Amino acid sequence: MKQDLDLTRKLLLQVWNTEFDEDITANPWKFFDPNGEALDRINYHVKLTRDTGYYYPEAIKLEAANEAGQAHAKFRPDALTAKGQEFASFIENDKKWEELKAELAKRGALSALDIGFEIVKGLAKGAAVVVGGGMA
């Protein structure tokens, strides 16, 4: 399955925009909102993103959620690492998100979110980004 960057963005922003409920001790876990997506696609994209270091691994988990036995990804609102917070704050802006996707497409790196993070840092500074993560 190919990575859908727009779905990856939706999932990251869902965590970033979620606040803890008043009674956090009752149940701090939230299910990702499928929003019309198949659960297996959500789970796959959560796993891909988890591997980038944007999430604390213990704050993301899969749990059987329906009668068919399909797993459903869950998260805690404090799931994002500092790197994940920085990335989410950048990609929340639609214009910046499109710039990042265009830069990734130029490089043929549509699934490389680690490269994406280096590009984000360059775009945020207004610098040209050189392949390999350096600044021009």
Protein backbone atom coordinates (compact mmCIF):
# COMPACT_ATOMS: atom_id res chain seq x y z
CA MET A 1 0.00 0.00 0.00
CA LYS A 2 1.35 3.43 -0.91
CA GLN A 3 1.48 6.16 1.67
CA ASP A 4 -1.19 8.82 1.32
CA LEU A 5 0.45 11.99 2.61
CA ASP A 6 -2.88 13.77 2.99
CA LEU A 7 -4.18 10.98 5.25
CA THR A 8 -0.93 11.04 7.21
CA ARG A 9 -1.40 14.79 7.68
CA LYS A 10 -5.02 14.36 8.83
CA LEU A 11 -3.98 11.80 11.44
CA LEU A 12 -1.11 13.90 12.79
CA LEU A 13 -3.30 16.99 12.99
CA GLN A 14 -6.07 15.03 14.68
CA VAL A 15 -3.68 14.20 17.52
CA TRP A 16 -2.25 17.71 17.60
CA ASN A 17 -5.69 19.32 17.85
CA THR A 18 -7.08 16.97 20.52
CA GLU A 19 -7.36 18.22 24.08
CA PHE A 20 -7.57 16.06 27.16
CA ASP A 21 -11.06 15.64 28.58
CA GLU A 22 -11.68 17.09 32.01
CA ASP A 23 -11.53 13.65 33.61
CA ILE A 24 -8.30 12.36 32.08
CA THR A 25 -7.94 9.57 34.61
CA ALA A 26 -11.16 7.95 33.40
CA ASN A 27 -9.97 7.22 29.86
CA PRO A 28 -7.22 9.24 28.20
CA TRP A 29 -7.37 7.20 24.95
CA LYS A 30 -9.05 8.50 21.80
CA PHE A 31 -9.78 6.56 18.61
CA PHE A 32 -8.63 8.03 15.33
CA ASP A 33 -11.71 9.25 13.48
CA PRO A 34 -12.00 7.11 10.32
CA ASN A 35 -13.74 9.96 8.48
CA GLY A 36 -14.69 7.54 5.68
CA GLU A 37 -11.31 5.79 5.57
CA ALA A 38 -10.93 2.03 6.03
CA LEU A 39 -9.50 1.10 9.42
CA ASP A 40 -6.65 -0.87 7.84
CA ARG A 41 -5.55 2.26 5.92
CA ILE A 42 -5.62 4.32 9.11
CA ASN A 43 -3.66 1.69 11.03
CA TYR A 44 -1.06 1.42 8.25
CA HIS A 45 -0.55 5.19 8.12
CA VAL A 46 -0.35 5.47 11.91
CA LYS A 47 2.35 2.77 11.93
CA LEU A 48 4.32 4.55 9.18
CA THR A 49 4.19 7.84 11.02
CA ARG A 50 4.97 6.26 14.39
CA ASP A 51 8.25 5.04 12.91
CA THR A 52 9.33 8.63 12.08
CA GLY A 53 9.57 9.65 15.72
CA TYR A 54 6.58 12.00 15.59
CA TYR A 55 4.69 9.95 18.20
CA TYR A 56 5.75 8.47 21.54
CA PRO A 57 5.37 4.72 20.84
CA GLU A 58 3.59 4.06 24.15
CA ALA A 59 0.98 6.71 23.34
CA ILE A 60 -0.25 4.94 20.17
CA LYS A 61 -1.77 1.47 20.11
CA LEU A 62 -4.03 -0.81 18.11
CA GLU A 63 -7.03 -2.38 19.74
CA ALA A 64 -9.76 -4.65 18.40
CA ALA A 65 -12.71 -2.31 18.08
CA ASN A 66 -15.49 -4.05 16.21
CA GLU A 67 -17.31 -7.35 15.77
CA ALA A 68 -15.25 -8.21 12.68
CA GLY A 69 -12.11 -8.11 14.79
CA GLN A 70 -10.57 -5.20 12.91
CA ALA A 71 -7.97 -3.34 14.89
CA HIS A 72 -8.53 0.35 15.40
CA ALA A 73 -5.67 2.74 16.20
CA LYS A 74 -5.94 4.74 19.41
CA PHE A 75 -3.88 7.62 20.72
CA ARG A 76 -3.42 9.74 23.80
CA PRO A 77 -3.68 13.51 23.26
CA ASP A 78 -0.09 13.84 24.52
CA ALA A 79 1.16 11.39 21.89
CA LEU A 80 3.23 13.82 19.81
CA THR A 81 6.93 14.25 20.50
CA ALA A 82 8.57 17.67 20.22
CA LYS A 83 9.49 16.74 16.62
CA GLY A 84 5.86 15.78 15.96
CA GLN A 85 4.61 19.04 17.48
CA GLU A 86 6.95 21.09 15.29
CA PHE A 87 5.99 19.15 12.17
CA ALA A 88 2.25 19.40 12.92
CA SER A 89 2.44 23.15 13.54
CA PHE A 90 4.03 23.58 10.10
CA ILE A 91 1.76 21.27 8.11
CA GLU A 92 -1.42 22.71 9.65
CA ASN A 93 -1.07 25.60 7.19
CA ASP A 94 -2.54 24.46 3.84
CA LYS A 95 -0.14 26.58 1.76
CA LYS A 96 2.92 25.26 3.60
CA TRP A 97 1.58 21.71 3.29
CA GLU A 98 1.28 22.07 -0.49
CA GLU A 99 4.82 23.53 -0.67
CA LEU A 100 6.15 20.54 1.26
CA LYS A 101 4.34 18.02 -0.95
CA ALA A 102 5.65 19.78 -4.07
CA GLU A 103 9.21 19.64 -2.73
CA LEU A 104 8.84 15.94 -1.87
CA ALA A 105 7.40 15.22 -5.34
CA LYS A 106 10.38 16.98 -6.98
CA ARG A 107 12.66 14.59 -5.12
CA GLY A 108 10.52 11.52 -5.78
CA ALA A 109 10.27 11.04 -2.03
CA LEU A 110 6.53 10.91 -1.43
CA SER A 111 6.85 8.45 1.45
CA ALA A 112 9.89 9.95 3.14
CA LEU A 113 8.53 11.90 6.09
CA ASP A 114 11.99 12.14 7.66
CA ILE A 115 13.16 13.97 4.55
CA GLY A 116 9.92 15.95 4.83
CA PHE A 117 10.92 17.11 8.29
CA GLU A 118 14.27 18.38 7.00
CA ILE A 119 12.46 20.20 4.19
CA VAL A 120 10.03 21.69 6.71
CA LYS A 121 12.92 23.10 8.71
CA GLY A 122 14.37 24.63 5.54
CA LEU A 123 11.07 26.04 4.34
CA ALA A 124 10.37 27.47 7.80
CA LYS A 125 13.69 29.32 7.64
CA GLY A 126 13.07 30.42 4.05
CA ALA A 127 16.21 28.62 2.89
CA ALA A 128 16.64 26.47 -0.19
CA VAL A 129 16.91 22.84 0.82
CA VAL A 130 19.53 20.61 -0.76
CA VAL A 131 19.00 16.86 -1.21
CA GLY A 132 20.53 15.13 1.79
CA GLY A 133 18.98 17.49 4.32
CA GLY A 134 21.45 20.38 4.07
CA MET A 135 20.66 24.01 3.44
CA ALA A 136 21.84 25.94 0.41
